[in-house]
Amino acid sequence: MRASKNIVGPTVRRLRDAQNLSQTELAARCQRLGWDISRDTIAKIEGGSRWVGDFELVPLAKALKANIQDLFR
């Protein structure tokens, strides 16, 4: 079994789905907040194959209209 590189991926997917956002739309929101990220990278985060740096948590949470703490639930 492959170990996940992050613990927020499933929560990112859940929050994104709850807002009926596509991965492309979430990436666009993040880009507007100054984080250069692609749809492919969002997919890798959600799938657990890409880690999320601490500096990336702020734009990710803002793009999902959530608190950083929400990403760890």
PDB file of N, CA and C in Angstrom:
ATOM      1  N   MET A   1       0.839  -1.181   0.000  1.00  0.00           N
ATOM      2  CA  MET A   1       0.000   0.000   0.000  1.00  0.00           C
ATOM      3  C   MET A   1       0.884   1.244   0.000  1.00  0.00           C
ATOM      4  N   ARG A   2       0.545   2.195  -0.819  1.00  0.00           N
ATOM      5  CA  ARG A   2       1.306   3.427  -0.959  1.00  0.00           C
ATOM      6  C   ARG A   2       0.957   4.392   0.170  1.00  0.00           C
ATOM      7  N   ALA A   3       1.949   4.964   0.809  1.00  0.00           N
ATOM      8  CA  ALA A   3       1.718   5.931   1.882  1.00  0.00           C
ATOM      9  C   ALA A   3       1.389   7.288   1.273  1.00  0.00           C
ATOM     10  N   SER A   4       0.427   7.969   1.874  1.00  0.00           N
ATOM     11  CA  SER A   4       0.034   9.292   1.413  1.00  0.00           C
ATOM     12  C   SER A   4       1.105  10.309   1.785  1.00  0.00           C
ATOM     13  N   LYS A   5       1.318  11.279   0.909  1.00  0.00           N
ATOM     14  CA  LYS A   5       2.287  12.332   1.185  1.00  0.00           C
ATOM     15  C   LYS A   5       1.645  13.529   1.865  1.00  0.00           C
ATOM     16  N   ASN A   6       0.344  13.483   2.087  1.00  0.00           N
ATOM     17  CA  ASN A   6      -0.307  14.572   2.811  1.00  0.00           C
ATOM     18  C   ASN A   6      -1.537  14.053   3.527  1.00  0.00           C
ATOM     19  N   ILE A   7      -1.983  14.823   4.495  1.00  0.00           N
ATOM     20  CA  ILE A   7      -3.174  14.426   5.245  1.00  0.00           C
ATOM     21  C   ILE A   7      -4.366  15.306   4.916  1.00  0.00           C
ATOM     22  N   VAL A   8      -4.162  16.338   4.100  1.00  0.00           N
ATOM     23  CA  VAL A   8      -5.263  17.248   3.792  1.00  0.00           C
ATOM     24  C   VAL A   8      -5.970  16.913   2.479  1.00  0.00           C
ATOM     25  N   GLY A   9      -5.391  16.045   1.681  1.00  0.00           N
ATOM     26  CA  GLY A   9      -5.954  15.740   0.363  1.00  0.00           C
ATOM     27  C   GLY A   9      -7.415  15.339   0.368  1.00  0.00           C
ATOM     28  N   PRO A  10      -7.808  14.360   1.192  1.00  0.00           N
ATOM     29  CA  PRO A  10      -9.221  13.969   1.213  1.00  0.00           C
ATOM     30  C   PRO A  10     -10.151  15.104   1.648  1.00  0.00           C
ATOM     31  N   THR A  11      -9.670  15.944   2.557  1.00  0.00           N
ATOM     32  CA  THR A  11     -10.487  17.071   3.013  1.00  0.00           C
ATOM     33  C   THR A  11     -10.615  18.118   1.919  1.00  0.00           C
ATOM     34  N   VAL A  12      -9.542  18.354   1.183  1.00  0.00           N
ATOM     35  CA  VAL A  12      -9.602  19.293   0.059  1.00  0.00           C
ATOM     36  C   VAL A  12     -10.666  18.827  -0.929  1.00  0.00           C
ATOM     37  N   ARG A  13     -10.660  17.547  -1.251  1.00  0.00           N
ATOM     38  CA  ARG A  13     -11.658  17.011  -2.182  1.00  0.00           C
ATOM     39  C   ARG A  13     -13.074  17.182  -1.624  1.00  0.00           C
ATOM     40  N   ARG A  14     -13.252  16.869  -0.341  1.00  0.00           N
ATOM     41  CA  ARG A  14     -14.576  16.974   0.273  1.00  0.00           C
ATOM     42  C   ARG A  14     -15.073  18.420   0.252  1.00  0.00           C
ATOM     43  N   LEU A  15     -14.217  19.368   0.634  1.00  0.00           N
ATOM     44  CA  LEU A  15     -14.613  20.779   0.645  1.00  0.00           C
ATOM     45  C   LEU A  15     -14.881  21.289  -0.771  1.00  0.00           C
ATOM     46  N   ARG A  16     -14.062  20.863  -1.711  1.00  0.00           N
ATOM     47  CA  ARG A  16     -14.256  21.277  -3.110  1.00  0.00           C
ATOM     48  C   ARG A  16     -15.569  20.736  -3.651  1.00  0.00           C
ATOM     49  N   ASP A  17     -15.826  19.457  -3.397  1.00  0.00           N
ATOM     50  CA  ASP A  17     -17.073  18.843  -3.862  1.00  0.00           C
ATOM     51  C   ASP A  17     -18.294  19.494  -3.220  1.00  0.00           C
ATOM     52  N   ALA A  18     -18.186  19.855  -1.950  1.00  0.00           N
ATOM     53  CA  ALA A  18     -19.311  20.482  -1.245  1.00  0.00           C
ATOM     54  C   ALA A  18     -19.679  21.828  -1.869  1.00  0.00           C
ATOM     55  N   GLN A  19     -18.710  22.463  -2.522  1.00  0.00           N
ATOM     56  CA  GLN A  19     -18.958  23.750  -3.182  1.00  0.00           C
ATOM     57  C   GLN A  19     -19.203  23.589  -4.682  1.00  0.00           C
ATOM     58  N   ASN A  20     -19.296  22.342  -5.126  1.00  0.00           N
ATOM     59  CA  ASN A  20     -19.495  22.046  -6.550  1.00  0.00           C
ATOM     60  C   ASN A  20     -18.448  22.714  -7.434  1.00  0.00           C
ATOM     61  N   LEU A  21     -17.204  22.706  -6.960  1.00  0.00           N
ATOM     62  CA  LEU A  21     -16.097  23.263  -7.732  1.00  0.00           C
ATOM     63  C   LEU A  21     -15.370  22.143  -8.460  1.00  0.00           C
ATOM     64  N   SER A  22     -14.937  22.425  -9.660  1.00  0.00           N
ATOM     65  CA  SER A  22     -14.058  21.487 -10.353  1.00  0.00           C
ATOM     66  C   SER A  22     -12.628  21.728  -9.862  1.00  0.00           C
ATOM     67  N   GLN A  23     -11.753  20.804 -10.156  1.00  0.00           N
ATOM     68  CA  GLN A  23     -10.346  21.000  -9.810  1.00  0.00           C
ATOM     69  C   GLN A  23      -9.785  22.211 -10.547  1.00  0.00           C
ATOM     70  N   THR A  24     -10.228  22.423 -11.764  1.00  0.00           N
ATOM     71  CA  THR A  24      -9.788  23.580 -12.545  1.00  0.00           C
ATOM     72  C   THR A  24     -10.233  24.873 -11.887  1.00  0.00           C
ATOM     73  N   GLU A  25     -11.472  24.906 -11.401  1.00  0.00           N
ATOM     74  CA  GLU A  25     -11.975  26.111 -10.737  1.00  0.00           C
ATOM     75  C   GLU A  25     -11.223  26.384  -9.436  1.00  0.00           C
ATOM     76  N   LEU A  26     -10.919  25.334  -8.685  1.00  0.00           N
ATOM     77  CA  LEU A  26     -10.153  25.520  -7.454  1.00  0.00           C
ATOM     78  C   LEU A  26      -8.749  26.031  -7.776  1.00  0.00           C
ATOM     79  N   ALA A  27      -8.122  25.478  -8.787  1.00  0.00           N
ATOM     80  CA  ALA A  27      -6.793  25.952  -9.188  1.00  0.00           C
ATOM     81  C   ALA A  27      -6.847  27.423  -9.589  1.00  0.00           C
ATOM     82  N   ALA A  28      -7.886  27.827 -10.306  1.00  0.00           N
ATOM     83  CA  ALA A  28      -8.031  29.228 -10.719  1.00  0.00           C
ATOM     84  C   ALA A  28      -8.194  30.141  -9.508  1.00  0.00           C
ATOM     85  N   ARG A  29      -8.963  29.709  -8.520  1.00  0.00           N
ATOM     86  CA  ARG A  29      -9.112  30.504  -7.289  1.00  0.00           C
ATOM     87  C   ARG A  29      -7.755  30.671  -6.601  1.00  0.00           C
ATOM     88  N   CYS A  30      -7.006  29.591  -6.516  1.00  0.00           N
ATOM     89  CA  CYS A  30      -5.681  29.645  -5.885  1.00  0.00           C
ATOM     90  C   CYS A  30      -4.754  30.581  -6.658  1.00  0.00           C
ATOM     91  N   GLN A  31      -4.825  30.529  -7.976  1.00  0.00           N
ATOM     92  CA  GLN A  31      -3.989  31.392  -8.809  1.00  0.00           C
ATOM     93  C   GLN A  31      -4.320  32.858  -8.576  1.00  0.00           C
ATOM     94  N   ARG A  32      -5.605  33.177  -8.415  1.00  0.00           N
ATOM     95  CA  ARG A  32      -5.998  34.565  -8.143  1.00  0.00           C
ATOM     96  C   ARG A  32      -5.462  35.044  -6.798  1.00  0.00           C
ATOM     97  N   LEU A  33      -5.176  34.099  -5.911  1.00  0.00           N
ATOM     98  CA  LEU A  33      -4.615  34.432  -4.600  1.00  0.00           C
ATOM     99  C   LEU A  33      -3.083  34.424  -4.612  1.00  0.00           C
ATOM    100  N   GLY A  34      -2.491  34.221  -5.787  1.00  0.00           N
ATOM    101  CA  GLY A  34      -1.047  34.299  -5.928  1.00  0.00           C
ATOM    102  C   GLY A  34      -0.294  32.988  -5.880  1.00  0.00           C
ATOM    103  N   TRP A  35      -1.013  31.864  -5.838  1.00  0.00           N
ATOM    104  CA  TRP A  35      -0.347  30.553  -5.809  1.00  0.00           C
ATOM    105  C   TRP A  35      -0.431  29.956  -7.204  1.00  0.00           C
ATOM    106  N   ASP A  36       0.693  29.808  -7.862  1.00  0.00           N
ATOM    107  CA  ASP A  36       0.740  29.257  -9.217  1.00  0.00           C
ATOM    108  C   ASP A  36       0.598  27.738  -9.133  1.00  0.00           C
ATOM    109  N   ILE A  37      -0.613  27.258  -9.342  1.00  0.00           N
ATOM    110  CA  ILE A  37      -0.917  25.830  -9.212  1.00  0.00           C
ATOM    111  C   ILE A  37      -1.804  25.401 -10.377  1.00  0.00           C
ATOM    112  N   SER A  38      -1.649  24.183 -10.800  1.00  0.00           N
ATOM    113  CA  SER A  38      -2.431  23.661 -11.926  1.00  0.00           C
ATOM    114  C   SER A  38      -3.506  22.691 -11.447  1.00  0.00           C
ATOM    115  N   ARG A  39      -4.408  22.349 -12.349  1.00  0.00           N
ATOM    116  CA  ARG A  39      -5.431  21.353 -12.042  1.00  0.00           C
ATOM    117  C   ARG A  39      -4.778  20.014 -11.726  1.00  0.00           C
ATOM    118  N   ASP A  40      -3.724  19.687 -12.460  1.00  0.00           N
ATOM    119  CA  ASP A  40      -3.019  18.423 -12.214  1.00  0.00           C
ATOM    120  C   ASP A  40      -2.463  18.358 -10.796  1.00  0.00           C
ATOM    121  N   THR A  41      -1.956  19.472 -10.305  1.00  0.00           N
ATOM    122  CA  THR A  41      -1.410  19.497  -8.950  1.00  0.00           C
ATOM    123  C   THR A  41      -2.518  19.351  -7.923  1.00  0.00           C
ATOM    124  N   ILE A  42      -3.666  19.979  -8.158  1.00  0.00           N
ATOM    125  CA  ILE A  42      -4.816  19.797  -7.255  1.00  0.00           C
ATOM    126  C   ILE A  42      -5.179  18.314  -7.208  1.00  0.00           C
ATOM    127  N   ALA A  43      -5.202  17.666  -8.365  1.00  0.00           N
ATOM    128  CA  ALA A  43      -5.530  16.235  -8.421  1.00  0.00           C
ATOM    129  C   ALA A  43      -4.522  15.411  -7.623  1.00  0.00           C
ATOM    130  N   LYS A  44      -3.250  15.750  -7.732  1.00  0.00           N
ATOM    131  CA  LYS A  44      -2.222  15.020  -6.987  1.00  0.00           C
ATOM    132  C   LYS A  44      -2.361  15.249  -5.483  1.00  0.00           C
ATOM    133  N   ILE A  45      -2.709  16.465  -5.082  1.00  0.00           N
ATOM    134  CA  ILE A  45      -2.930  16.750  -3.658  1.00  0.00           C
ATOM    135  C   ILE A  45      -4.096  15.917  -3.151  1.00  0.00           C
ATOM    136  N   GLU A  46      -5.197  15.946  -3.883  1.00  0.00           N
ATOM    137  CA  GLU A  46      -6.379  15.186  -3.463  1.00  0.00           C
ATOM    138  C   GLU A  46      -6.098  13.688  -3.433  1.00  0.00           C
ATOM    139  N   GLY A  47      -5.270  13.222  -4.333  1.00  0.00           N
ATOM    140  CA  GLY A  47      -4.942  11.803  -4.393  1.00  0.00           C
ATOM    141  C   GLY A  47      -3.857  11.377  -3.418  1.00  0.00           C
ATOM    142  N   GLY A  48      -3.255  12.341  -2.747  1.00  0.00           N
ATOM    143  CA  GLY A  48      -2.249  12.035  -1.745  1.00  0.00           C
ATOM    144  C   GLY A  48      -0.846  11.813  -2.271  1.00  0.00           C
ATOM    145  N   SER A  49      -0.622  12.076  -3.562  1.00  0.00           N
ATOM    146  CA  SER A  49       0.712  11.835  -4.114  1.00  0.00           C
ATOM    147  C   SER A  49       1.592  13.083  -4.118  1.00  0.00           C
ATOM    148  N   ARG A  50       1.032  14.208  -3.697  1.00  0.00           N
ATOM    149  CA  ARG A  50       1.816  15.441  -3.591  1.00  0.00           C
ATOM    150  C   ARG A  50       1.576  16.057  -2.226  1.00  0.00           C
ATOM    151  N   TRP A  51       2.648  16.436  -1.557  1.00  0.00           N
ATOM    152  CA  TRP A  51       2.522  17.056  -0.239  1.00  0.00           C
ATOM    153  C   TRP A  51       2.086  18.508  -0.381  1.00  0.00           C
ATOM    154  N   VAL A  52       1.563  19.060   0.700  1.00  0.00           N
ATOM    155  CA  VAL A  52       1.149  20.462   0.741  1.00  0.00           C
ATOM    156  C   VAL A  52       2.048  21.166   1.747  1.00  0.00           C
ATOM    157  N   GLY A  53       2.777  22.163   1.275  1.00  0.00           N
ATOM    158  CA  GLY A  53       3.667  22.917   2.153  1.00  0.00           C
ATOM    159  C   GLY A  53       2.888  23.850   3.065  1.00  0.00           C
ATOM    160  N   ASP A  54       3.487  24.203   4.182  1.00  0.00           N
ATOM    161  CA  ASP A  54       2.801  25.081   5.121  1.00  0.00           C
ATOM    162  C   ASP A  54       2.442  26.415   4.476  1.00  0.00           C
ATOM    163  N   PHE A  55       3.287  26.934   3.612  1.00  0.00           N
ATOM    164  CA  PHE A  55       3.020  28.203   2.939  1.00  0.00           C
ATOM    165  C   PHE A  55       1.882  28.089   1.928  1.00  0.00           C
ATOM    166  N   GLU A  56       1.529  26.880   1.543  1.00  0.00           N
ATOM    167  CA  GLU A  56       0.444  26.666   0.583  1.00  0.00           C
ATOM    168  C   GLU A  56      -0.911  26.519   1.265  1.00  0.00           C
ATOM    169  N   LEU A  57      -0.906  26.294   2.564  1.00  0.00           N
ATOM    170  CA  LEU A  57      -2.166  26.097   3.281  1.00  0.00           C
ATOM    171  C   LEU A  57      -3.040  27.345   3.268  1.00  0.00           C
ATOM    172  N   VAL A  58      -2.431  28.530   3.352  1.00  0.00           N
ATOM    173  CA  VAL A  58      -3.213  29.771   3.404  1.00  0.00           C
ATOM    174  C   VAL A  58      -4.018  29.975   2.122  1.00  0.00           C
ATOM    175  N   PRO A  59      -3.386  29.989   0.937  1.00  0.00           N
ATOM    176  CA  PRO A  59      -4.204  30.182  -0.264  1.00  0.00           C
ATOM    177  C   PRO A  59      -5.179  29.030  -0.510  1.00  0.00           C
ATOM    178  N   LEU A  60      -4.791  27.824  -0.149  1.00  0.00           N
ATOM    179  CA  LEU A  60      -5.684  26.682  -0.346  1.00  0.00           C
ATOM    180  C   LEU A  60      -6.932  26.833   0.515  1.00  0.00           C
ATOM    181  N   ALA A  61      -6.749  27.181   1.779  1.00  0.00           N
ATOM    182  CA  ALA A  61      -7.895  27.374   2.673  1.00  0.00           C
ATOM    183  C   ALA A  61      -8.760  28.537   2.200  1.00  0.00           C
ATOM    184  N   LYS A  62      -8.135  29.651   1.826  1.00  0.00           N
ATOM    185  CA  LYS A  62      -8.904  30.810   1.350  1.00  0.00           C
ATOM    186  C   LYS A  62      -9.697  30.460   0.092  1.00  0.00           C
ATOM    187  N   ALA A  63      -9.078  29.742  -0.820  1.00  0.00           N
ATOM    188  CA  ALA A  63      -9.760  29.361  -2.061  1.00  0.00           C
ATOM    189  C   ALA A  63     -10.958  28.466  -1.784  1.00  0.00           C
ATOM    190  N   LEU A  64     -10.874  27.679  -0.712  1.00  0.00           N
ATOM    191  CA  LEU A  64     -11.976  26.786  -0.330  1.00  0.00           C
ATOM    192  C   LEU A  64     -12.937  27.443   0.657  1.00  0.00           C
ATOM    193  N   LYS A  65     -12.675  28.726   0.978  1.00  0.00           N
ATOM    194  CA  LYS A  65     -13.504  29.477   1.938  1.00  0.00           C
ATOM    195  C   LYS A  65     -13.587  28.730   3.265  1.00  0.00           C
ATOM    196  N   ALA A  66     -12.414  28.319   3.732  1.00  0.00           N
ATOM    197  CA  ALA A  66     -12.310  27.537   4.964  1.00  0.00           C
ATOM    198  C   ALA A  66     -11.172  28.097   5.809  1.00  0.00           C
ATOM    199  N   ASN A  67     -11.102  27.649   7.041  1.00  0.00           N
ATOM    200  CA  ASN A  67      -9.971  27.952   7.911  1.00  0.00           C
ATOM    201  C   ASN A  67      -8.905  26.889   7.684  1.00  0.00           C
ATOM    202  N   ILE A  68      -7.669  27.248   7.965  1.00  0.00           N
ATOM    203  CA  ILE A  68      -6.591  26.264   7.824  1.00  0.00           C
ATOM    204  C   ILE A  68      -6.897  25.027   8.655  1.00  0.00           C
ATOM    205  N   GLN A  69      -7.422  25.235   9.862  1.00  0.00           N
ATOM    206  CA  GLN A  69      -7.738  24.104  10.737  1.00  0.00           C
ATOM    207  C   GLN A  69      -8.736  23.153  10.090  1.00  0.00           C
ATOM    208  N   ASP A  70      -9.637  23.690   9.275  1.00  0.00           N
ATOM    209  CA  ASP A  70     -10.637  22.853   8.601  1.00  0.00           C
ATOM    210  C   ASP A  70      -9.986  21.833   7.665  1.00  0.00           C
ATOM    211  N   LEU A  71      -8.815  22.160   7.145  1.00  0.00           N
ATOM    212  CA  LEU A  71      -8.135  21.257   6.215  1.00  0.00           C
ATOM    213  C   LEU A  71      -7.629  19.994   6.904  1.00  0.00           C
ATOM    214  N   PHE A  72      -7.531  20.034   8.224  1.00  0.00           N
ATOM    215  CA  PHE A  72      -7.007  18.892   8.974  1.00  0.00           C
ATOM    216  C   PHE A  72      -8.112  18.053   9.604  1.00  0.00           C
ATOM    217  N   ARG A  73      -9.354  18.285   9.192  1.00  0.00           N
ATOM    218  CA  ARG A  73     -10.480  17.532   9.757  1.00  0.00           C
ATOM    219  C   ARG A  73     -10.975  16.497   8.790  1.00  0.00           C
TER     220      ARG A  73
END
